């Protein structure tokens, strides 16, 4: 019998996790028509990334990255009305993932 092992917080690529959460959550909600299911993906990725941000950075940086991640999700809706759904999701994902890389993963 094998045990399940999960990556240590310091080994997780939070930029990738953020991208998965924002793009994966949006695609899941869009394709299934079940918006809360997309929210589950978004929340799970946010918790996973947050776990690493706490270990890699400090409380202020973790709070800022968490706010950017959730704020990006919220901002993508009004932005989608101006530039379209995919461009909106990709824009906020690039901003959040880029910040996660710069402030956490590159350390």
PDB file of N, CA and C in Angstrom:
ATOM      1  N   UNK A   1       0.839  -1.180   0.000  1.00  0.00           N
ATOM      2  CA  UNK A   1       0.000   0.000   0.000  1.00  0.00           C
ATOM      3  C   UNK A   1       0.887   1.247   0.000  1.00  0.00           C
ATOM      4  N   UNK A   2       0.653   2.141  -0.933  1.00  0.00           N
ATOM      5  CA  UNK A   2       1.455   3.360  -1.004  1.00  0.00           C
ATOM      6  C   UNK A   2       0.729   4.507  -0.311  1.00  0.00           C
ATOM      7  N   UNK A   3       1.529   5.375   0.245  1.00  0.00           N
ATOM      8  CA  UNK A   3       0.964   6.545   0.909  1.00  0.00           C
ATOM      9  C   UNK A   3       0.916   7.703  -0.077  1.00  0.00           C
ATOM     10  N   UNK A   4      -0.020   8.559   0.118  1.00  0.00           N
ATOM     11  CA  UNK A   4      -0.121   9.758  -0.707  1.00  0.00           C
ATOM     12  C   UNK A   4       0.866  10.783  -0.171  1.00  0.00           C
ATOM     13  N   UNK A   5       1.612  11.360  -1.065  1.00  0.00           N
ATOM     14  CA  UNK A   5       2.508  12.426  -0.632  1.00  0.00           C
ATOM     15  C   UNK A   5       2.171  13.677  -1.437  1.00  0.00           C
ATOM     16  N   UNK A   6       2.224  14.789  -0.748  1.00  0.00           N
ATOM     17  CA  UNK A   6       1.974  16.064  -1.420  1.00  0.00           C
ATOM     18  C   UNK A   6       3.242  16.896  -1.371  1.00  0.00           C
ATOM     19  N   UNK A   7       3.371  17.771  -2.330  1.00  0.00           N
ATOM     20  CA  UNK A   7       4.548  18.638  -2.385  1.00  0.00           C
ATOM     21  C   UNK A   7       4.607  19.517  -1.147  1.00  0.00           C
ATOM     22  N   UNK A   8       5.813  19.775  -0.732  1.00  0.00           N
ATOM     23  CA  UNK A   8       6.030  20.710   0.360  1.00  0.00           C
ATOM     24  C   UNK A   8       5.727  22.115  -0.164  1.00  0.00           C
ATOM     25  N   UNK A   9       5.248  23.001   0.707  1.00  0.00           N
ATOM     26  CA  UNK A   9       4.886  24.352   0.253  1.00  0.00           C
ATOM     27  C   UNK A   9       5.986  25.078  -0.509  1.00  0.00           C
ATOM     28  N   UNK A  10       7.224  24.865  -0.122  1.00  0.00           N
ATOM     29  CA  UNK A  10       8.331  25.562  -0.781  1.00  0.00           C
ATOM     30  C   UNK A  10       8.599  25.051  -2.188  1.00  0.00           C
ATOM     31  N   UNK A  11       8.048  23.901  -2.530  1.00  0.00           N
ATOM     32  CA  UNK A  11       8.285  23.296  -3.839  1.00  0.00           C
ATOM     33  C   UNK A  11       7.179  23.580  -4.858  1.00  0.00           C
ATOM     34  N   UNK A  12       6.101  24.201  -4.431  1.00  0.00           N
ATOM     35  CA  UNK A  12       4.945  24.439  -5.300  1.00  0.00           C
ATOM     36  C   UNK A  12       5.157  25.686  -6.153  1.00  0.00           C
ATOM     37  N   UNK A  13       4.866  25.561  -7.442  1.00  0.00           N
ATOM     38  CA  UNK A  13       4.885  26.722  -8.335  1.00  0.00           C
ATOM     39  C   UNK A  13       3.542  27.428  -8.204  1.00  0.00           C
ATOM     40  N   UNK A  14       3.536  28.533  -7.475  1.00  0.00           N
ATOM     41  CA  UNK A  14       2.260  29.208  -7.243  1.00  0.00           C
ATOM     42  C   UNK A  14       1.766  29.944  -8.492  1.00  0.00           C
ATOM     43  N   UNK A  15       2.677  30.359  -9.354  1.00  0.00           N
ATOM     44  CA  UNK A  15       2.237  31.003 -10.600  1.00  0.00           C
ATOM     45  C   UNK A  15       1.418  30.021 -11.430  1.00  0.00           C
ATOM     46  N   UNK A  16       1.880  28.783 -11.501  1.00  0.00           N
ATOM     47  CA  UNK A  16       1.146  27.749 -12.237  1.00  0.00           C
ATOM     48  C   UNK A  16      -0.187  27.450 -11.560  1.00  0.00           C
ATOM     49  N   UNK A  17      -0.168  27.396 -10.244  1.00  0.00           N
ATOM     50  CA  UNK A  17      -1.382  27.110  -9.478  1.00  0.00           C
ATOM     51  C   UNK A  17      -2.415  28.216  -9.672  1.00  0.00           C
ATOM     52  N   UNK A  18      -1.964  29.457  -9.661  1.00  0.00           N
ATOM     53  CA  UNK A  18      -2.852  30.602  -9.888  1.00  0.00           C
ATOM     54  C   UNK A  18      -3.476  30.519 -11.286  1.00  0.00           C
ATOM     55  N   UNK A  19      -2.661  30.208 -12.275  1.00  0.00           N
ATOM     56  CA  UNK A  19      -3.179  30.078 -13.641  1.00  0.00           C
ATOM     57  C   UNK A  19      -4.214  28.958 -13.726  1.00  0.00           C
ATOM     58  N   UNK A  20      -3.920  27.835 -13.084  1.00  0.00           N
ATOM     59  CA  UNK A  20      -4.877  26.734 -13.061  1.00  0.00           C
ATOM     60  C   UNK A  20      -6.188  27.154 -12.411  1.00  0.00           C
ATOM     61  N   UNK A  21      -6.094  27.860 -11.293  1.00  0.00           N
ATOM     62  CA  UNK A  21      -7.300  28.274 -10.580  1.00  0.00           C
ATOM     63  C   UNK A  21      -8.168  29.227 -11.377  1.00  0.00           C
ATOM     64  N   UNK A  22      -7.553  30.239 -11.975  1.00  0.00           N
ATOM     65  CA  UNK A  22      -8.332  31.239 -12.708  1.00  0.00           C
ATOM     66  C   UNK A  22      -8.842  30.704 -14.045  1.00  0.00           C
ATOM     67  N   UNK A  23      -7.958  30.110 -14.825  1.00  0.00           N
ATOM     68  CA  UNK A  23      -8.392  29.589 -16.130  1.00  0.00           C
ATOM     69  C   UNK A  23      -9.228  28.325 -15.951  1.00  0.00           C
ATOM     70  N   UNK A  24      -8.749  27.422 -15.100  1.00  0.00           N
ATOM     71  CA  UNK A  24      -9.483  26.173 -14.874  1.00  0.00           C
ATOM     72  C   UNK A  24     -10.849  26.395 -14.267  1.00  0.00           C
ATOM     73  N   UNK A  25     -10.945  27.321 -13.336  1.00  0.00           N
ATOM     74  CA  UNK A  25     -12.244  27.635 -12.727  1.00  0.00           C
ATOM     75  C   UNK A  25     -13.214  28.210 -13.746  1.00  0.00           C
ATOM     76  N   UNK A  26     -12.703  29.109 -14.588  1.00  0.00           N
ATOM     77  CA  UNK A  26     -13.559  29.720 -15.601  1.00  0.00           C
ATOM     78  C   UNK A  26     -14.035  28.682 -16.618  1.00  0.00           C
ATOM     79  N   UNK A  27     -13.105  27.871 -17.103  1.00  0.00           N
ATOM     80  CA  UNK A  27     -13.467  26.852 -18.097  1.00  0.00           C
ATOM     81  C   UNK A  27     -14.451  25.846 -17.504  1.00  0.00           C
ATOM     82  N   UNK A  28     -14.210  25.435 -16.268  1.00  0.00           N
ATOM     83  CA  UNK A  28     -15.106  24.473 -15.620  1.00  0.00           C
ATOM     84  C   UNK A  28     -16.515  25.046 -15.507  1.00  0.00           C
ATOM     85  N   UNK A  29     -16.637  26.271 -15.049  1.00  0.00           N
ATOM     86  CA  UNK A  29     -17.953  26.900 -14.918  1.00  0.00           C
ATOM     87  C   UNK A  29     -18.627  27.062 -16.278  1.00  0.00           C
ATOM     88  N   UNK A  30     -17.851  27.483 -17.268  1.00  0.00           N
ATOM     89  CA  UNK A  30     -18.407  27.723 -18.603  1.00  0.00           C
ATOM     90  C   UNK A  30     -18.875  26.423 -19.255  1.00  0.00           C
ATOM     91  N   UNK A  31     -18.049  25.399 -19.182  1.00  0.00           N
ATOM     92  CA  UNK A  31     -18.355  24.153 -19.891  1.00  0.00           C
ATOM     93  C   UNK A  31     -19.397  23.288 -19.193  1.00  0.00           C
ATOM     94  N   UNK A  32     -19.435  23.349 -17.864  1.00  0.00           N
ATOM     95  CA  UNK A  32     -20.434  22.541 -17.143  1.00  0.00           C
ATOM     96  C   UNK A  32     -21.731  23.306 -16.931  1.00  0.00           C
ATOM     97  N   UNK A  33     -21.662  24.627 -16.985  1.00  0.00           N
ATOM     98  CA  UNK A  33     -22.829  25.443 -16.669  1.00  0.00           C
ATOM     99  C   UNK A  33     -23.097  25.503 -15.171  1.00  0.00           C
ATOM    100  N   UNK A  34     -22.178  24.969 -14.387  1.00  0.00           N
ATOM    101  CA  UNK A  34     -22.326  24.956 -12.928  1.00  0.00           C
ATOM    102  C   UNK A  34     -21.282  25.915 -12.348  1.00  0.00           C
ATOM    103  N   UNK A  35     -21.696  27.147 -12.149  1.00  0.00           N
ATOM    104  CA  UNK A  35     -20.752  28.171 -11.690  1.00  0.00           C
ATOM    105  C   UNK A  35     -20.094  27.827 -10.359  1.00  0.00           C
ATOM    106  N   UNK A  36     -20.839  27.268  -9.395  1.00  0.00           N
ATOM    107  CA  UNK A  36     -20.177  26.919  -8.137  1.00  0.00           C
ATOM    108  C   UNK A  36     -19.051  25.890  -8.295  1.00  0.00           C
ATOM    109  N   UNK A  37     -19.156  25.033  -9.288  1.00  0.00           N
ATOM    110  CA  UNK A  37     -18.095  24.066  -9.527  1.00  0.00           C
ATOM    111  C   UNK A  37     -16.808  24.777  -9.956  1.00  0.00           C
ATOM    112  N   UNK A  38     -16.950  25.800 -10.765  1.00  0.00           N
ATOM    113  CA  UNK A  38     -15.792  26.624 -11.120  1.00  0.00           C
ATOM    114  C   UNK A  38     -15.217  27.315  -9.891  1.00  0.00           C
ATOM    115  N   UNK A  39     -16.106  27.710  -8.987  1.00  0.00           N
ATOM    116  CA  UNK A  39     -15.670  28.329  -7.730  1.00  0.00           C
ATOM    117  C   UNK A  39     -14.879  27.368  -6.855  1.00  0.00           C
ATOM    118  N   UNK A  40     -15.240  26.097  -6.911  1.00  0.00           N
ATOM    119  CA  UNK A  40     -14.496  25.086  -6.151  1.00  0.00           C
ATOM    120  C   UNK A  40     -13.060  25.001  -6.662  1.00  0.00           C
ATOM    121  N   UNK A  41     -12.907  25.000  -7.984  1.00  0.00           N
ATOM    122  CA  UNK A  41     -11.565  24.960  -8.580  1.00  0.00           C
ATOM    123  C   UNK A  41     -10.780  26.210  -8.180  1.00  0.00           C
ATOM    124  N   UNK A  42     -11.415  27.362  -8.295  1.00  0.00           N
ATOM    125  CA  UNK A  42     -10.791  28.631  -7.924  1.00  0.00           C
ATOM    126  C   UNK A  42     -10.356  28.610  -6.461  1.00  0.00           C
ATOM    127  N   UNK A  43     -11.247  28.162  -5.573  1.00  0.00           N
ATOM    128  CA  UNK A  43     -10.941  28.139  -4.138  1.00  0.00           C
ATOM    129  C   UNK A  43      -9.831  27.148  -3.810  1.00  0.00           C
ATOM    130  N   UNK A  44      -9.903  25.959  -4.392  1.00  0.00           N
ATOM    131  CA  UNK A  44      -8.880  24.943  -4.107  1.00  0.00           C
ATOM    132  C   UNK A  44      -7.495  25.420  -4.530  1.00  0.00           C
ATOM    133  N   UNK A  45      -7.405  26.008  -5.709  1.00  0.00           N
ATOM    134  CA  UNK A  45      -6.110  26.512  -6.182  1.00  0.00           C
ATOM    135  C   UNK A  45      -5.642  27.679  -5.310  1.00  0.00           C
ATOM    136  N   UNK A  46      -6.563  28.513  -4.880  1.00  0.00           N
ATOM    137  CA  UNK A  46      -6.212  29.638  -4.016  1.00  0.00           C
ATOM    138  C   UNK A  46      -5.665  29.184  -2.676  1.00  0.00           C
ATOM    139  N   UNK A  47      -6.285  28.172  -2.096  1.00  0.00           N
ATOM    140  CA  UNK A  47      -5.798  27.627  -0.823  1.00  0.00           C
ATOM    141  C   UNK A  47      -4.429  26.987  -1.016  1.00  0.00           C
ATOM    142  N   UNK A  48      -4.273  26.234  -2.103  1.00  0.00           N
ATOM    143  CA  UNK A  48      -2.995  25.572  -2.376  1.00  0.00           C
ATOM    144  C   UNK A  48      -1.872  26.600  -2.566  1.00  0.00           C
ATOM    145  N   UNK A  49      -2.155  27.642  -3.336  1.00  0.00           N
ATOM    146  CA  UNK A  49      -1.151  28.694  -3.541  1.00  0.00           C
ATOM    147  C   UNK A  49      -0.889  29.447  -2.236  1.00  0.00           C
ATOM    148  N   UNK A  50      -1.946  29.751  -1.511  1.00  0.00           N
ATOM    149  CA  UNK A  50      -1.808  30.486  -0.252  1.00  0.00           C
ATOM    150  C   UNK A  50      -0.934  29.757   0.752  1.00  0.00           C
ATOM    151  N   UNK A  51      -1.065  28.452   0.797  1.00  0.00           N
ATOM    152  CA  UNK A  51      -0.236  27.616   1.676  1.00  0.00           C
ATOM    153  C   UNK A  51       1.245  27.845   1.366  1.00  0.00           C
ATOM    154  N   UNK A  52       1.574  27.952   0.099  1.00  0.00           N
ATOM    155  CA  UNK A  52       2.964  28.179  -0.294  1.00  0.00           C
ATOM    156  C   UNK A  52       3.383  29.626  -0.062  1.00  0.00           C
ATOM    157  N   UNK A  53       2.482  30.568  -0.313  1.00  0.00           N
ATOM    158  CA  UNK A  53       2.832  31.972  -0.080  1.00  0.00           C
ATOM    159  C   UNK A  53       3.188  32.217   1.378  1.00  0.00           C
ATOM    160  N   UNK A  54       2.444  31.584   2.278  1.00  0.00           N
ATOM    161  CA  UNK A  54       2.737  31.730   3.709  1.00  0.00           C
ATOM    162  C   UNK A  54       4.130  31.201   4.013  1.00  0.00           C
ATOM    163  N   UNK A  55       4.482  30.064   3.426  1.00  0.00           N
ATOM    164  CA  UNK A  55       5.782  29.448   3.688  1.00  0.00           C
ATOM    165  C   UNK A  55       6.925  30.192   3.008  1.00  0.00           C
ATOM    166  N   UNK A  56       6.688  30.751   1.835  1.00  0.00           N
ATOM    167  CA  UNK A  56       7.762  31.372   1.057  1.00  0.00           C
ATOM    168  C   UNK A  56       7.968  32.846   1.352  1.00  0.00           C
ATOM    169  N   UNK A  57       6.915  33.525   1.793  1.00  0.00           N
ATOM    170  CA  UNK A  57       6.992  34.981   1.944  1.00  0.00           C
ATOM    171  C   UNK A  57       6.602  35.387   3.366  1.00  0.00           C
ATOM    172  N   UNK A  58       5.833  36.442   3.480  1.00  0.00           N
ATOM    173  CA  UNK A  58       5.365  36.918   4.782  1.00  0.00           C
ATOM    174  C   UNK A  58       3.861  37.184   4.705  1.00  0.00           C
ATOM    175  N   UNK A  59       3.292  37.576   5.819  1.00  0.00           N
ATOM    176  CA  UNK A  59       1.838  37.777   5.883  1.00  0.00           C
ATOM    177  C   UNK A  59       1.372  38.865   4.920  1.00  0.00           C
ATOM    178  N   UNK A  60       2.120  39.956   4.840  1.00  0.00           N
ATOM    179  CA  UNK A  60       1.717  41.058   3.959  1.00  0.00           C
ATOM    180  C   UNK A  60       1.723  40.631   2.488  1.00  0.00           C
ATOM    181  N   UNK A  61       2.755  39.915   2.072  1.00  0.00           N
ATOM    182  CA  UNK A  61       2.838  39.462   0.682  1.00  0.00           C
ATOM    183  C   UNK A  61       1.755  38.430   0.395  1.00  0.00           C
ATOM    184  N   UNK A  62       1.526  37.534   1.349  1.00  0.00           N
ATOM    185  CA  UNK A  62       0.460  36.534   1.193  1.00  0.00           C
ATOM    186  C   UNK A  62      -0.893  37.222   1.036  1.00  0.00           C
ATOM    187  N   UNK A  63      -1.150  38.223   1.851  1.00  0.00           N
ATOM    188  CA  UNK A  63      -2.417  38.959   1.767  1.00  0.00           C
ATOM    189  C   UNK A  63      -2.534  39.684   0.428  1.00  0.00           C
ATOM    190  N   UNK A  64      -1.444  40.295  -0.018  1.00  0.00           N
ATOM    191  CA  UNK A  64      -1.468  41.014  -1.298  1.00  0.00           C
ATOM    192  C   UNK A  64      -1.713  40.057  -2.465  1.00  0.00           C
ATOM    193  N   UNK A  65      -1.017  38.922  -2.480  1.00  0.00           N
ATOM    194  CA  UNK A  65      -1.195  37.958  -3.566  1.00  0.00           C
ATOM    195  C   UNK A  65      -2.595  37.343  -3.533  1.00  0.00           C
ATOM    196  N   UNK A  66      -3.106  37.086  -2.348  1.00  0.00           N
ATOM    197  CA  UNK A  66      -4.462  36.546  -2.223  1.00  0.00           C
ATOM    198  C   UNK A  66      -5.496  37.551  -2.726  1.00  0.00           C
ATOM    199  N   UNK A  67      -5.288  38.815  -2.378  1.00  0.00           N
ATOM    200  CA  UNK A  67      -6.196  39.870  -2.842  1.00  0.00           C
ATOM    201  C   UNK A  67      -6.147  40.016  -4.358  1.00  0.00           C
ATOM    202  N   UNK A  68      -4.958  39.942  -4.915  1.00  0.00           N
ATOM    203  CA  UNK A  68      -4.808  40.040  -6.367  1.00  0.00           C
ATOM    204  C   UNK A  68      -5.493  38.855  -7.057  1.00  0.00           C
ATOM    205  N   UNK A  69      -5.323  37.664  -6.501  1.00  0.00           N
ATOM    206  CA  UNK A  69      -5.932  36.457  -7.062  1.00  0.00           C
ATOM    207  C   UNK A  69      -7.462  36.568  -7.059  1.00  0.00           C
ATOM    208  N   UNK A  70      -8.029  36.881  -5.907  1.00  0.00           N
ATOM    209  CA  UNK A  70      -9.486  36.996  -5.826  1.00  0.00           C
ATOM    210  C   UNK A  70      -9.991  38.244  -6.541  1.00  0.00           C
ATOM    211  N   UNK A  71      -9.213  39.323  -6.472  1.00  0.00           N
ATOM    212  CA  UNK A  71      -9.588  40.542  -7.180  1.00  0.00           C
ATOM    213  C   UNK A  71      -9.571  40.347  -8.687  1.00  0.00           C
ATOM    214  N   UNK A  72      -8.632  39.560  -9.160  1.00  0.00           N
ATOM    215  CA  UNK A  72      -8.573  39.244 -10.590  1.00  0.00           C
ATOM    216  C   UNK A  72      -9.810  38.504 -11.040  1.00  0.00           C
ATOM    217  N   UNK A  73     -10.255  37.582 -10.201  1.00  0.00           N
ATOM    218  CA  UNK A  73     -11.484  36.856 -10.505  1.00  0.00           C
ATOM    219  C   UNK A  73     -12.656  37.832 -10.609  1.00  0.00           C
ATOM    220  N   UNK A  74     -12.762  38.726  -9.647  1.00  0.00           N
ATOM    221  CA  UNK A  74     -13.848  39.707  -9.665  1.00  0.00           C
ATOM    222  C   UNK A  74     -13.729  40.697 -10.810  1.00  0.00           C
ATOM    223  N   UNK A  75     -12.514  41.121 -11.114  1.00  0.00           N
ATOM    224  CA  UNK A  75     -12.294  42.107 -12.178  1.00  0.00           C
ATOM    225  C   UNK A  75     -12.512  41.526 -13.568  1.00  0.00           C
ATOM    226  N   UNK A  76     -12.376  40.219 -13.697  1.00  0.00           N
ATOM    227  CA  UNK A  76     -12.512  39.615 -15.027  1.00  0.00           C
ATOM    228  C   UNK A  76     -13.931  39.750 -15.567  1.00  0.00           C
ATOM    229  N   UNK A  77     -14.919  39.821 -14.684  1.00  0.00           N
ATOM    230  CA  UNK A  77     -16.304  39.920 -15.146  1.00  0.00           C
ATOM    231  C   UNK A  77     -16.598  41.249 -15.852  1.00  0.00           C
ATOM    232  N   UNK A  78     -16.350  42.392 -15.207  1.00  0.00           N
ATOM    233  CA  UNK A  78     -16.588  43.657 -15.928  1.00  0.00           C
ATOM    234  C   UNK A  78     -15.624  43.850 -17.098  1.00  0.00           C
ATOM    235  N   UNK A  79     -14.414  43.353 -16.963  1.00  0.00           N
ATOM    236  CA  UNK A  79     -13.447  43.469 -18.052  1.00  0.00           C
ATOM    237  C   UNK A  79     -13.902  42.670 -19.270  1.00  0.00           C
ATOM    238  N   UNK A  80     -14.549  41.546 -19.029  1.00  0.00           N
ATOM    239  CA  UNK A  80     -15.039  40.700 -20.129  1.00  0.00           C
ATOM    240  C   UNK A  80     -16.052  41.446 -20.995  1.00  0.00           C
ATOM    241  N   UNK A  81     -16.821  42.338 -20.398  1.00  0.00           N
ATOM    242  CA  UNK A  81     -17.803  43.116 -21.166  1.00  0.00           C
ATOM    243  C   UNK A  81     -17.114  44.082 -22.131  1.00  0.00           C
ATOM    244  N   UNK A  82     -15.888  44.451 -21.814  1.00  0.00           N
ATOM    245  CA  UNK A  82     -15.160  45.399 -22.652  1.00  0.00           C
ATOM    246  C   UNK A  82     -14.275  44.734 -23.687  1.00  0.00           C
ATOM    247  N   UNK A  83     -13.611  43.618 -23.293  1.00  0.00           N
ATOM    248  CA  UNK A  83     -12.640  43.024 -24.220  1.00  0.00           C
ATOM    249  C   UNK A  83     -12.943  41.569 -24.588  1.00  0.00           C
ATOM    250  N   UNK A  84     -13.970  40.999 -23.992  1.00  0.00           N
ATOM    251  CA  UNK A  84     -14.314  39.609 -24.272  1.00  0.00           C
ATOM    252  C   UNK A  84     -13.887  38.687 -23.140  1.00  0.00           C
ATOM    253  N   UNK A  85     -14.504  37.524 -23.078  1.00  0.00           N
ATOM    254  CA  UNK A  85     -14.273  36.607 -21.966  1.00  0.00           C
ATOM    255  C   UNK A  85     -12.835  36.066 -21.922  1.00  0.00           C
ATOM    256  N   UNK A  86     -12.402  35.437 -23.024  1.00  0.00           N
ATOM    257  CA  UNK A  86     -11.061  34.859 -23.021  1.00  0.00           C
ATOM    258  C   UNK A  86      -9.978  35.910 -22.790  1.00  0.00           C
ATOM    259  N   UNK A  87     -10.005  37.030 -23.504  1.00  0.00           N
ATOM    260  CA  UNK A  87      -8.969  38.042 -23.246  1.00  0.00           C
ATOM    261  C   UNK A  87      -8.978  38.529 -21.791  1.00  0.00           C
ATOM    262  N   UNK A  88     -10.155  38.648 -21.227  1.00  0.00           N
ATOM    263  CA  UNK A  88     -10.276  39.088 -19.845  1.00  0.00           C
ATOM    264  C   UNK A  88      -9.650  38.085 -18.887  1.00  0.00           C
ATOM    265  N   UNK A  89     -10.015  36.825 -19.041  1.00  0.00           N
ATOM    266  CA  UNK A  89      -9.479  35.780 -18.162  1.00  0.00           C
ATOM    267  C   UNK A  89      -7.963  35.692 -18.311  1.00  0.00           C
ATOM    268  N   UNK A  90      -7.482  35.761 -19.539  1.00  0.00           N
ATOM    269  CA  UNK A  90      -6.038  35.685 -19.758  1.00  0.00           C
ATOM    270  C   UNK A  90      -5.302  36.893 -19.186  1.00  0.00           C
ATOM    271  N   UNK A  91      -5.910  38.066 -19.269  1.00  0.00           N
ATOM    272  CA  UNK A  91      -5.290  39.281 -18.738  1.00  0.00           C
ATOM    273  C   UNK A  91      -5.138  39.213 -17.223  1.00  0.00           C
ATOM    274  N   UNK A  92      -6.228  38.882 -16.524  1.00  0.00           N
ATOM    275  CA  UNK A  92      -6.143  38.831 -15.058  1.00  0.00           C
ATOM    276  C   UNK A  92      -5.260  37.668 -14.606  1.00  0.00           C
ATOM    277  N   UNK A  93      -5.269  36.587 -15.365  1.00  0.00           N
ATOM    278  CA  UNK A  93      -4.405  35.449 -15.024  1.00  0.00           C
ATOM    279  C   UNK A  93      -2.939  35.827 -15.172  1.00  0.00           C
ATOM    280  N   UNK A  94      -2.601  36.513 -16.254  1.00  0.00           N
ATOM    281  CA  UNK A  94      -1.215  36.949 -16.453  1.00  0.00           C
ATOM    282  C   UNK A  94      -0.763  37.870 -15.323  1.00  0.00           C
ATOM    283  N   UNK A  95      -1.626  38.776 -14.907  1.00  0.00           N
ATOM    284  CA  UNK A  95      -1.268  39.700 -13.825  1.00  0.00           C
ATOM    285  C   UNK A  95      -1.066  38.954 -12.506  1.00  0.00           C
ATOM    286  N   UNK A  96      -1.999  38.086 -12.158  1.00  0.00           N
ATOM    287  CA  UNK A  96      -1.911  37.364 -10.883  1.00  0.00           C
ATOM    288  C   UNK A  96      -0.770  36.353 -10.880  1.00  0.00           C
ATOM    289  N   UNK A  97      -0.621  35.614 -11.970  1.00  0.00           N
ATOM    290  CA  UNK A  97       0.457  34.620 -12.040  1.00  0.00           C
ATOM    291  C   UNK A  97       1.830  35.302 -12.084  1.00  0.00           C
ATOM    292  N   UNK A  98       1.909  36.412 -12.806  1.00  0.00           N
ATOM    293  CA  UNK A  98       3.160  37.154 -12.862  1.00  0.00           C
ATOM    294  C   UNK A  98       3.567  37.669 -11.490  1.00  0.00           C
ATOM    295  N   UNK A  99       2.603  38.182 -10.755  1.00  0.00           N
ATOM    296  CA  UNK A  99       2.882  38.666  -9.398  1.00  0.00           C
ATOM    297  C   UNK A  99       3.290  37.511  -8.490  1.00  0.00           C
ATOM    298  N   UNK A 100       2.613  36.373  -8.624  1.00  0.00           N
ATOM    299  CA  UNK A 100       2.954  35.200  -7.803  1.00  0.00           C
ATOM    300  C   UNK A 100       4.389  34.757  -8.092  1.00  0.00           C
ATOM    301  N   UNK A 101       4.765  34.774  -9.340  1.00  0.00           N
ATOM    302  CA  UNK A 101       6.144  34.402  -9.691  1.00  0.00           C
ATOM    303  C   UNK A 101       7.143  35.419  -9.116  1.00  0.00           C
ATOM    304  N   UNK A 102       6.864  36.675  -9.364  1.00  0.00           N
ATOM    305  CA  UNK A 102       7.809  37.721  -8.953  1.00  0.00           C
ATOM    306  C   UNK A 102       7.957  37.829  -7.430  1.00  0.00           C
ATOM    307  N   UNK A 103       6.842  37.716  -6.717  1.00  0.00           N
ATOM    308  CA  UNK A 103       6.875  37.943  -5.273  1.00  0.00           C
ATOM    309  C   UNK A 103       7.066  36.688  -4.433  1.00  0.00           C
ATOM    310  N   UNK A 104       6.896  35.514  -5.062  1.00  0.00           N
ATOM    311  CA  UNK A 104       6.986  34.272  -4.289  1.00  0.00           C
ATOM    312  C   UNK A 104       7.886  33.222  -4.937  1.00  0.00           C
ATOM    313  N   UNK A 105       7.547  32.815  -6.123  1.00  0.00           N
ATOM    314  CA  UNK A 105       8.247  31.679  -6.742  1.00  0.00           C
ATOM    315  C   UNK A 105       9.713  31.953  -7.066  1.00  0.00           C
ATOM    316  N   UNK A 106      10.036  33.181  -7.409  1.00  0.00           N
ATOM    317  CA  UNK A 106      11.413  33.495  -7.806  1.00  0.00           C
ATOM    318  C   UNK A 106      12.358  33.614  -6.611  1.00  0.00           C
ATOM    319  N   UNK A 107      11.820  33.573  -5.443  1.00  0.00           N
ATOM    320  CA  UNK A 107      12.639  33.730  -4.227  1.00  0.00           C
ATOM    321  C   UNK A 107      13.411  32.466  -3.916  1.00  0.00           C
TER     322      UNK A 107
END
